[in-house]
Amino acid sequence: MSLVLELSPELESELAAQAARLQLPLAEYALRVLAGGSIAGPKPSNGADLVTYWKEQGLVGTRPEIADAPQYARALRQQAENRTR
């Protein structure tokens, strides 16, 4: 099925920027955004199911600049714990 959408220039630029950041073609990114509102099958109920879902959706590995994920997570946690309000 084909669908033609008229997007504002701002929205088109935002979508294109996000697609480029994820290193995806614009059309594929737009499909992912549109499909994002619905999860086929049961929703993930635990951490293992969530990671499996992320892998199926192609989300694992979308941040190649993060070489050591556990270290990155620890740094984020430390930043959050030490921030001032």
PDB file of N, CA and C in Angstrom:
ATOM      1  N   MET A   1       0.839  -1.180   0.000  1.00  0.00           N
ATOM      2  CA  MET A   1       0.000   0.000   0.000  1.00  0.00           C
ATOM      3  C   MET A   1       0.886   1.246   0.000  1.00  0.00           C
ATOM      4  N   SER A   2       0.532   2.197  -0.782  1.00  0.00           N
ATOM      5  CA  SER A   2       1.245   3.469  -0.797  1.00  0.00           C
ATOM      6  C   SER A   2       0.411   4.520  -0.099  1.00  0.00           C
ATOM      7  N   LEU A   3       1.101   5.432   0.559  1.00  0.00           N
ATOM      8  CA  LEU A   3       0.443   6.511   1.272  1.00  0.00           C
ATOM      9  C   LEU A   3       1.295   7.758   1.090  1.00  0.00           C
ATOM     10  N   VAL A   4       0.676   8.847   0.686  1.00  0.00           N
ATOM     11  CA  VAL A   4       1.398  10.100   0.500  1.00  0.00           C
ATOM     12  C   VAL A   4       0.980  11.048   1.611  1.00  0.00           C
ATOM     13  N   LEU A   5       1.968  11.565   2.338  1.00  0.00           N
ATOM     14  CA  LEU A   5       1.707  12.497   3.430  1.00  0.00           C
ATOM     15  C   LEU A   5       2.326  13.849   3.115  1.00  0.00           C
ATOM     16  N   GLU A   6       1.607  14.896   3.423  1.00  0.00           N
ATOM     17  CA  GLU A   6       2.133  16.247   3.293  1.00  0.00           C
ATOM     18  C   GLU A   6       2.649  16.668   4.661  1.00  0.00           C
ATOM     19  N   LEU A   7       3.965  16.813   4.782  1.00  0.00           N
ATOM     20  CA  LEU A   7       4.580  17.187   6.045  1.00  0.00           C
ATOM     21  C   LEU A   7       5.064  18.625   5.984  1.00  0.00           C
ATOM     22  N   SER A   8       5.032  19.270   7.128  1.00  0.00           N
ATOM     23  CA  SER A   8       5.607  20.609   7.183  1.00  0.00           C
ATOM     24  C   SER A   8       7.124  20.469   6.992  1.00  0.00           C
ATOM     25  N   PRO A   9       7.763  21.507   6.496  1.00  0.00           N
ATOM     26  CA  PRO A   9       9.222  21.436   6.330  1.00  0.00           C
ATOM     27  C   PRO A   9       9.950  21.150   7.651  1.00  0.00           C
ATOM     28  N   GLU A  10       9.418  21.687   8.753  1.00  0.00           N
ATOM     29  CA  GLU A  10      10.038  21.464  10.057  1.00  0.00           C
ATOM     30  C   GLU A  10       9.969  19.997  10.449  1.00  0.00           C
ATOM     31  N   LEU A  11       8.787  19.374  10.263  1.00  0.00           N
ATOM     32  CA  LEU A  11       8.623  17.972  10.615  1.00  0.00           C
ATOM     33  C   LEU A  11       9.472  17.082   9.718  1.00  0.00           C
ATOM     34  N   GLU A  12       9.523  17.403   8.444  1.00  0.00           N
ATOM     35  CA  GLU A  12      10.353  16.637   7.523  1.00  0.00           C
ATOM     36  C   GLU A  12      11.833  16.718   7.931  1.00  0.00           C
ATOM     37  N   SER A  13      12.287  17.902   8.300  1.00  0.00           N
ATOM     38  CA  SER A  13      13.677  18.077   8.732  1.00  0.00           C
ATOM     39  C   SER A  13      13.955  17.296  10.001  1.00  0.00           C
ATOM     40  N   GLU A  14      13.011  17.326  10.934  1.00  0.00           N
ATOM     41  CA  GLU A  14      13.185  16.593  12.186  1.00  0.00           C
ATOM     42  C   GLU A  14      13.258  15.082  11.935  1.00  0.00           C
ATOM     43  N   LEU A  15      12.369  14.580  11.095  1.00  0.00           N
ATOM     44  CA  LEU A  15      12.393  13.153  10.761  1.00  0.00           C
ATOM     45  C   LEU A  15      13.697  12.777  10.063  1.00  0.00           C
ATOM     46  N   ALA A  16      14.124  13.601   9.138  1.00  0.00           N
ATOM     47  CA  ALA A  16      15.362  13.325   8.407  1.00  0.00           C
ATOM     48  C   ALA A  16      16.567  13.341   9.349  1.00  0.00           C
ATOM     49  N   ALA A  17      16.573  14.277  10.293  1.00  0.00           N
ATOM     50  CA  ALA A  17      17.683  14.356  11.242  1.00  0.00           C
ATOM     51  C   ALA A  17      17.727  13.118  12.136  1.00  0.00           C
ATOM     52  N   GLN A  18      16.567  12.682  12.615  1.00  0.00           N
ATOM     53  CA  GLN A  18      16.511  11.482  13.458  1.00  0.00           C
ATOM     54  C   GLN A  18      16.939  10.247  12.671  1.00  0.00           C
ATOM     55  N   ALA A  19      16.482  10.140  11.435  1.00  0.00           N
ATOM     56  CA  ALA A  19      16.860   9.005  10.592  1.00  0.00           C
ATOM     57  C   ALA A  19      18.366   8.991  10.362  1.00  0.00           C
ATOM     58  N   ALA A  20      18.940  10.148  10.107  1.00  0.00           N
ATOM     59  CA  ALA A  20      20.389  10.238   9.891  1.00  0.00           C
ATOM     60  C   ALA A  20      21.145   9.862  11.158  1.00  0.00           C
ATOM     61  N   ARG A  21      20.648  10.319  12.320  1.00  0.00           N
ATOM     62  CA  ARG A  21      21.300   9.993  13.584  1.00  0.00           C
ATOM     63  C   ARG A  21      21.318   8.490  13.815  1.00  0.00           C
ATOM     64  N   LEU A  22      20.245   7.798  13.409  1.00  0.00           N
ATOM     65  CA  LEU A  22      20.156   6.347  13.567  1.00  0.00           C
ATOM     66  C   LEU A  22      20.739   5.596  12.381  1.00  0.00           C
ATOM     67  N   GLN A  23      21.232   6.351  11.400  1.00  0.00           N
ATOM     68  CA  GLN A  23      21.808   5.776  10.178  1.00  0.00           C
ATOM     69  C   GLN A  23      20.801   4.882   9.459  1.00  0.00           C
ATOM     70  N   LEU A  24      19.568   5.397   9.319  1.00  0.00           N
ATOM     71  CA  LEU A  24      18.496   4.690   8.630  1.00  0.00           C
ATOM     72  C   LEU A  24      18.011   5.531   7.466  1.00  0.00           C
ATOM     73  N   PRO A  25      17.523   4.889   6.405  1.00  0.00           N
ATOM     74  CA  PRO A  25      16.868   5.652   5.352  1.00  0.00           C
ATOM     75  C   PRO A  25      15.611   6.331   5.926  1.00  0.00           C
ATOM     76  N   LEU A  26      15.292   7.483   5.413  1.00  0.00           N
ATOM     77  CA  LEU A  26      14.148   8.236   5.925  1.00  0.00           C
ATOM     78  C   LEU A  26      12.865   7.417   5.869  1.00  0.00           C
ATOM     79  N   ALA A  27      12.631   6.715   4.764  1.00  0.00           N
ATOM     80  CA  ALA A  27      11.397   5.925   4.628  1.00  0.00           C
ATOM     81  C   ALA A  27      11.317   4.841   5.698  1.00  0.00           C
ATOM     82  N   GLU A  28      12.427   4.162   5.961  1.00  0.00           N
ATOM     83  CA  GLU A  28      12.417   3.101   6.981  1.00  0.00           C
ATOM     84  C   GLU A  28      12.171   3.686   8.362  1.00  0.00           C
ATOM     85  N   TYR A  29      12.804   4.826   8.659  1.00  0.00           N
ATOM     86  CA  TYR A  29      12.595   5.455   9.963  1.00  0.00           C
ATOM     87  C   TYR A  29      11.137   5.876  10.123  1.00  0.00           C
ATOM     88  N   ALA A  30      10.555   6.466   9.078  1.00  0.00           N
ATOM     89  CA  ALA A  30       9.153   6.887   9.142  1.00  0.00           C
ATOM     90  C   ALA A  30       8.237   5.686   9.391  1.00  0.00           C
ATOM     91  N   LEU A  31       8.523   4.561   8.746  1.00  0.00           N
ATOM     92  CA  LEU A  31       7.728   3.353   8.987  1.00  0.00           C
ATOM     93  C   LEU A  31       7.848   2.903  10.436  1.00  0.00           C
ATOM     94  N   ARG A  32       9.042   2.968  10.984  1.00  0.00           N
ATOM     95  CA  ARG A  32       9.229   2.575  12.386  1.00  0.00           C
ATOM     96  C   ARG A  32       8.463   3.491  13.325  1.00  0.00           C
ATOM     97  N   VAL A  33       8.487   4.786  13.036  1.00  0.00           N
ATOM     98  CA  VAL A  33       7.759   5.740  13.872  1.00  0.00           C
ATOM     99  C   VAL A  33       6.258   5.460  13.810  1.00  0.00           C
ATOM    100  N   LEU A  34       5.753   5.231  12.604  1.00  0.00           N
ATOM    101  CA  LEU A  34       4.330   4.961  12.454  1.00  0.00           C
ATOM    102  C   LEU A  34       3.920   3.642  13.105  1.00  0.00           C
ATOM    103  N   ALA A  35       4.774   2.648  13.022  1.00  0.00           N
ATOM    104  CA  ALA A  35       4.462   1.343  13.596  1.00  0.00           C
ATOM    105  C   ALA A  35       4.712   1.316  15.100  1.00  0.00           C
ATOM    106  N   GLY A  36       5.389   2.304  15.613  1.00  0.00           N
ATOM    107  CA  GLY A  36       5.770   2.310  17.021  1.00  0.00           C
ATOM    108  C   GLY A  36       4.623   2.319  17.999  1.00  0.00           C
ATOM    109  N   GLY A  37       3.473   2.757  17.583  1.00  0.00           N
ATOM    110  CA  GLY A  37       2.327   2.822  18.481  1.00  0.00           C
ATOM    111  C   GLY A  37       1.681   1.484  18.743  1.00  0.00           C
ATOM    112  N   SER A  38       2.030   0.474  17.970  1.00  0.00           N
ATOM    113  CA  SER A  38       1.402  -0.828  18.166  1.00  0.00           C
ATOM    114  C   SER A  38       2.461  -1.908  18.287  1.00  0.00           C
ATOM    115  N   ILE A  39       2.298  -2.734  19.292  1.00  0.00           N
ATOM    116  CA  ILE A  39       3.197  -3.862  19.501  1.00  0.00           C
ATOM    117  C   ILE A  39       2.423  -5.114  19.153  1.00  0.00           C
ATOM    118  N   ALA A  40       2.914  -5.863  18.177  1.00  0.00           N
ATOM    119  CA  ALA A  40       2.264  -7.110  17.814  1.00  0.00           C
ATOM    120  C   ALA A  40       2.506  -8.126  18.912  1.00  0.00           C
ATOM    121  N   GLY A  41       1.461  -8.788  19.331  1.00  0.00           N
ATOM    122  CA  GLY A  41       1.597  -9.799  20.374  1.00  0.00           C
ATOM    123  C   GLY A  41       1.558  -9.168  21.745  1.00  0.00           C
ATOM    124  N   PRO A  42       1.837  -9.974  22.760  1.00  0.00           N
ATOM    125  CA  PRO A  42       1.791  -9.455  24.131  1.00  0.00           C
ATOM    126  C   PRO A  42       2.918  -8.467  24.395  1.00  0.00           C
ATOM    127  N   LYS A  43       2.646  -7.516  25.271  1.00  0.00           N
ATOM    128  CA  LYS A  43       3.667  -6.538  25.633  1.00  0.00           C
ATOM    129  C   LYS A  43       4.714  -7.208  26.517  1.00  0.00           C
ATOM    130  N   PRO A  44       5.958  -6.767  26.415  1.00  0.00           N
ATOM    131  CA  PRO A  44       7.009  -7.352  27.261  1.00  0.00           C
ATOM    132  C   PRO A  44       6.656  -7.207  28.738  1.00  0.00           C
ATOM    133  N   SER A  45       6.843  -8.291  29.506  1.00  0.00           N
ATOM    134  CA  SER A  45       6.481  -8.265  30.922  1.00  0.00           C
ATOM    135  C   SER A  45       7.695  -8.338  31.845  1.00  0.00           C
ATOM    136  N   ASN A  46       8.890  -8.558  31.286  1.00  0.00           N
ATOM    137  CA  ASN A  46      10.099  -8.581  32.114  1.00  0.00           C
ATOM    138  C   ASN A  46      11.272  -8.097  31.270  1.00  0.00           C
ATOM    139  N   GLY A  47      12.408  -7.989  31.905  1.00  0.00           N
ATOM    140  CA  GLY A  47      13.581  -7.445  31.217  1.00  0.00           C
ATOM    141  C   GLY A  47      14.017  -8.253  30.012  1.00  0.00           C
ATOM    142  N   ALA A  48      13.992  -9.574  30.136  1.00  0.00           N
ATOM    143  CA  ALA A  48      14.416 -10.427  29.012  1.00  0.00           C
ATOM    144  C   ALA A  48      13.481 -10.255  27.821  1.00  0.00           C
ATOM    145  N   ASP A  49      12.170 -10.194  28.081  1.00  0.00           N
ATOM    146  CA  ASP A  49      11.203  -9.982  26.995  1.00  0.00           C
ATOM    147  C   ASP A  49      11.410  -8.624  26.341  1.00  0.00           C
ATOM    148  N   LEU A  50      11.726  -7.617  27.151  1.00  0.00           N
ATOM    149  CA  LEU A  50      11.941  -6.277  26.611  1.00  0.00           C
ATOM    150  C   LEU A  50      13.171  -6.236  25.701  1.00  0.00           C
ATOM    151  N   VAL A  51      14.268  -6.867  26.132  1.00  0.00           N
ATOM    152  CA  VAL A  51      15.472  -6.904  25.303  1.00  0.00           C
ATOM    153  C   VAL A  51      15.194  -7.655  24.006  1.00  0.00           C
ATOM    154  N   THR A  52      14.461  -8.762  24.078  1.00  0.00           N
ATOM    155  CA  THR A  52      14.088  -9.508  22.878  1.00  0.00           C
ATOM    156  C   THR A  52      13.273  -8.625  21.937  1.00  0.00           C
ATOM    157  N   TYR A  53      12.322  -7.879  22.486  1.00  0.00           N
ATOM    158  CA  TYR A  53      11.505  -6.967  21.679  1.00  0.00           C
ATOM    159  C   TYR A  53      12.393  -5.906  21.023  1.00  0.00           C
ATOM    160  N   TRP A  54      13.311  -5.333  21.784  1.00  0.00           N
ATOM    161  CA  TRP A  54      14.206  -4.310  21.231  1.00  0.00           C
ATOM    162  C   TRP A  54      15.028  -4.878  20.089  1.00  0.00           C
ATOM    163  N   LYS A  55      15.517  -6.102  20.236  1.00  0.00           N
ATOM    164  CA  LYS A  55      16.287  -6.735  19.168  1.00  0.00           C
ATOM    165  C   LYS A  55      15.427  -6.943  17.926  1.00  0.00           C
ATOM    166  N   GLU A  56      14.191  -7.399  18.121  1.00  0.00           N
ATOM    167  CA  GLU A  56      13.282  -7.615  16.987  1.00  0.00           C
ATOM    168  C   GLU A  56      12.981  -6.315  16.256  1.00  0.00           C
ATOM    169  N   GLN A  57      12.915  -5.211  16.983  1.00  0.00           N
ATOM    170  CA  GLN A  57      12.618  -3.909  16.396  1.00  0.00           C
ATOM    171  C   GLN A  57      13.850  -3.227  15.824  1.00  0.00           C
ATOM    172  N   GLY A  58      15.006  -3.861  15.961  1.00  0.00           N
ATOM    173  CA  GLY A  58      16.235  -3.284  15.415  1.00  0.00           C
ATOM    174  C   GLY A  58      16.799  -2.149  16.240  1.00  0.00           C
ATOM    175  N   LEU A  59      16.451  -2.084  17.520  1.00  0.00           N
ATOM    176  CA  LEU A  59      16.918  -0.989  18.365  1.00  0.00           C
ATOM    177  C   LEU A  59      18.262  -1.278  19.014  1.00  0.00           C
ATOM    178  N   VAL A  60      18.600  -2.532  19.186  1.00  0.00           N
ATOM    179  CA  VAL A  60      19.888  -2.882  19.780  1.00  0.00           C
ATOM    180  C   VAL A  60      20.973  -2.628  18.741  1.00  0.00           C
ATOM    181  N   GLY A  61      21.972  -1.883  19.144  1.00  0.00           N
ATOM    182  CA  GLY A  61      23.071  -1.569  18.234  1.00  0.00           C
ATOM    183  C   GLY A  61      22.886  -0.270  17.472  1.00  0.00           C
ATOM    184  N   THR A  62      21.892   0.545  17.830  1.00  0.00           N
ATOM    185  CA  THR A  62      21.670   1.800  17.118  1.00  0.00           C
ATOM    186  C   THR A  62      22.548   2.929  17.640  1.00  0.00           C
ATOM    187  N   ARG A  63      23.319   2.654  18.677  1.00  0.00           N
ATOM    188  CA  ARG A  63      24.222   3.668  19.234  1.00  0.00           C
ATOM    189  C   ARG A  63      25.655   3.161  19.149  1.00  0.00           C
ATOM    190  N   PRO A  64      26.239   3.120  17.935  1.00  0.00           N
ATOM    191  CA  PRO A  64      27.587   2.566  17.780  1.00  0.00           C
ATOM    192  C   PRO A  64      28.663   3.376  18.511  1.00  0.00           C
ATOM    193  N   GLU A  65      28.360   4.612  18.877  1.00  0.00           N
ATOM    194  CA  GLU A  65      29.362   5.418  19.581  1.00  0.00           C
ATOM    195  C   GLU A  65      29.528   4.969  21.039  1.00  0.00           C
ATOM    196  N   ILE A  66      28.626   4.107  21.540  1.00  0.00           N
ATOM    197  CA  ILE A  66      28.737   3.588  22.907  1.00  0.00           C
ATOM    198  C   ILE A  66      29.424   2.231  22.831  1.00  0.00           C
ATOM    199  N   ALA A  67      30.712   2.211  23.162  1.00  0.00           N
ATOM    200  CA  ALA A  67      31.486   0.976  23.049  1.00  0.00           C
ATOM    201  C   ALA A  67      31.243   0.042  24.226  1.00  0.00           C
ATOM    202  N   ASP A  68      31.071   0.595  25.431  1.00  0.00           N
ATOM    203  CA  ASP A  68      30.899  -0.203  26.640  1.00  0.00           C
ATOM    204  C   ASP A  68      29.575   0.206  27.294  1.00  0.00           C
ATOM    205  N   ALA A  69      28.503  -0.515  26.979  1.00  0.00           N
ATOM    206  CA  ALA A  69      27.170  -0.150  27.464  1.00  0.00           C
ATOM    207  C   ALA A  69      27.063  -0.133  28.987  1.00  0.00           C
ATOM    208  N   PRO A  70      27.579  -1.135  29.702  1.00  0.00           N
ATOM    209  CA  PRO A  70      27.480  -1.076  31.161  1.00  0.00           C
ATOM    210  C   PRO A  70      28.196   0.139  31.758  1.00  0.00           C
ATOM    211  N   GLN A  71      29.369   0.470  31.230  1.00  0.00           N
ATOM    212  CA  GLN A  71      30.093   1.644  31.711  1.00  0.00           C
ATOM    213  C   GLN A  71      29.299   2.917  31.417  1.00  0.00           C
ATOM    214  N   TYR A  72      28.703   2.993  30.246  1.00  0.00           N
ATOM    215  CA  TYR A  72      27.889   4.156  29.874  1.00  0.00           C
ATOM    216  C   TYR A  72      26.698   4.283  30.823  1.00  0.00           C
ATOM    217  N   ALA A  73      26.047   3.161  31.141  1.00  0.00           N
ATOM    218  CA  ALA A  73      24.906   3.176  32.058  1.00  0.00           C
ATOM    219  C   ALA A  73      25.328   3.628  33.449  1.00  0.00           C
ATOM    220  N   ARG A  74      26.492   3.148  33.912  1.00  0.00           N
ATOM    221  CA  ARG A  74      26.989   3.574  35.221  1.00  0.00           C
ATOM    222  C   ARG A  74      27.243   5.082  35.247  1.00  0.00           C
ATOM    223  N   ALA A  75      27.827   5.607  34.172  1.00  0.00           N
ATOM    224  CA  ALA A  75      28.100   7.045  34.099  1.00  0.00           C
ATOM    225  C   ALA A  75      26.804   7.847  34.115  1.00  0.00           C
ATOM    226  N   LEU A  76      25.795   7.389  33.384  1.00  0.00           N
ATOM    227  CA  LEU A  76      24.498   8.080  33.398  1.00  0.00           C
ATOM    228  C   LEU A  76      23.884   8.057  34.791  1.00  0.00           C
ATOM    229  N   ARG A  77      23.958   6.893  35.447  1.00  0.00           N
ATOM    230  CA  ARG A  77      23.406   6.771  36.796  1.00  0.00           C
ATOM    231  C   ARG A  77      24.133   7.712  37.748  1.00  0.00           C
ATOM    232  N   GLN A  78      25.450   7.773  37.644  1.00  0.00           N
ATOM    233  CA  GLN A  78      26.223   8.653  38.512  1.00  0.00           C
ATOM    234  C   GLN A  78      25.870  10.121  38.269  1.00  0.00           C
ATOM    235  N   GLN A  79      25.700  10.507  37.009  1.00  0.00           N
ATOM    236  CA  GLN A  79      25.293  11.875  36.688  1.00  0.00           C
ATOM    237  C   GLN A  79      23.947  12.187  37.325  1.00  0.00           C
ATOM    238  N   ALA A  80      23.009  11.243  37.237  1.00  0.00           N
ATOM    239  CA  ALA A  80      21.665  11.458  37.780  1.00  0.00           C
ATOM    240  C   ALA A  80      21.719  11.567  39.305  1.00  0.00           C
ATOM    241  N   GLU A  81      22.535  10.749  39.946  1.00  0.00           N
ATOM    242  CA  GLU A  81      22.639  10.776  41.400  1.00  0.00           C
ATOM    243  C   GLU A  81      23.287  12.045  41.903  1.00  0.00           C
ATOM    244  N   ASN A  82      24.163  12.645  41.115  1.00  0.00           N
ATOM    245  CA  ASN A  82      24.913  13.811  41.567  1.00  0.00           C
ATOM    246  C   ASN A  82      24.381  15.150  41.045  1.00  0.00           C
ATOM    247  N   ARG A  83      23.296  15.122  40.309  1.00  0.00           N
ATOM    248  CA  ARG A  83      22.783  16.388  39.783  1.00  0.00           C
ATOM    249  C   ARG A  83      22.127  17.200  40.911  1.00  0.00           C
ATOM    250  N   THR A  84      22.173  18.497  40.745  1.00  0.00           N
ATOM    251  CA  THR A  84      21.545  19.392  41.716  1.00  0.00           C
ATOM    252  C   THR A  84      20.272  19.943  41.123  1.00  0.00           C
ATOM    253  N   ARG A  85      19.337  20.186  41.966  1.00  0.00           N
ATOM    254  CA  ARG A  85      18.025  20.673  41.484  1.00  0.00           C
ATOM    255  C   ARG A  85      17.902  22.144  41.667  1.00  0.00           C
TER     256      ARG A  85
END
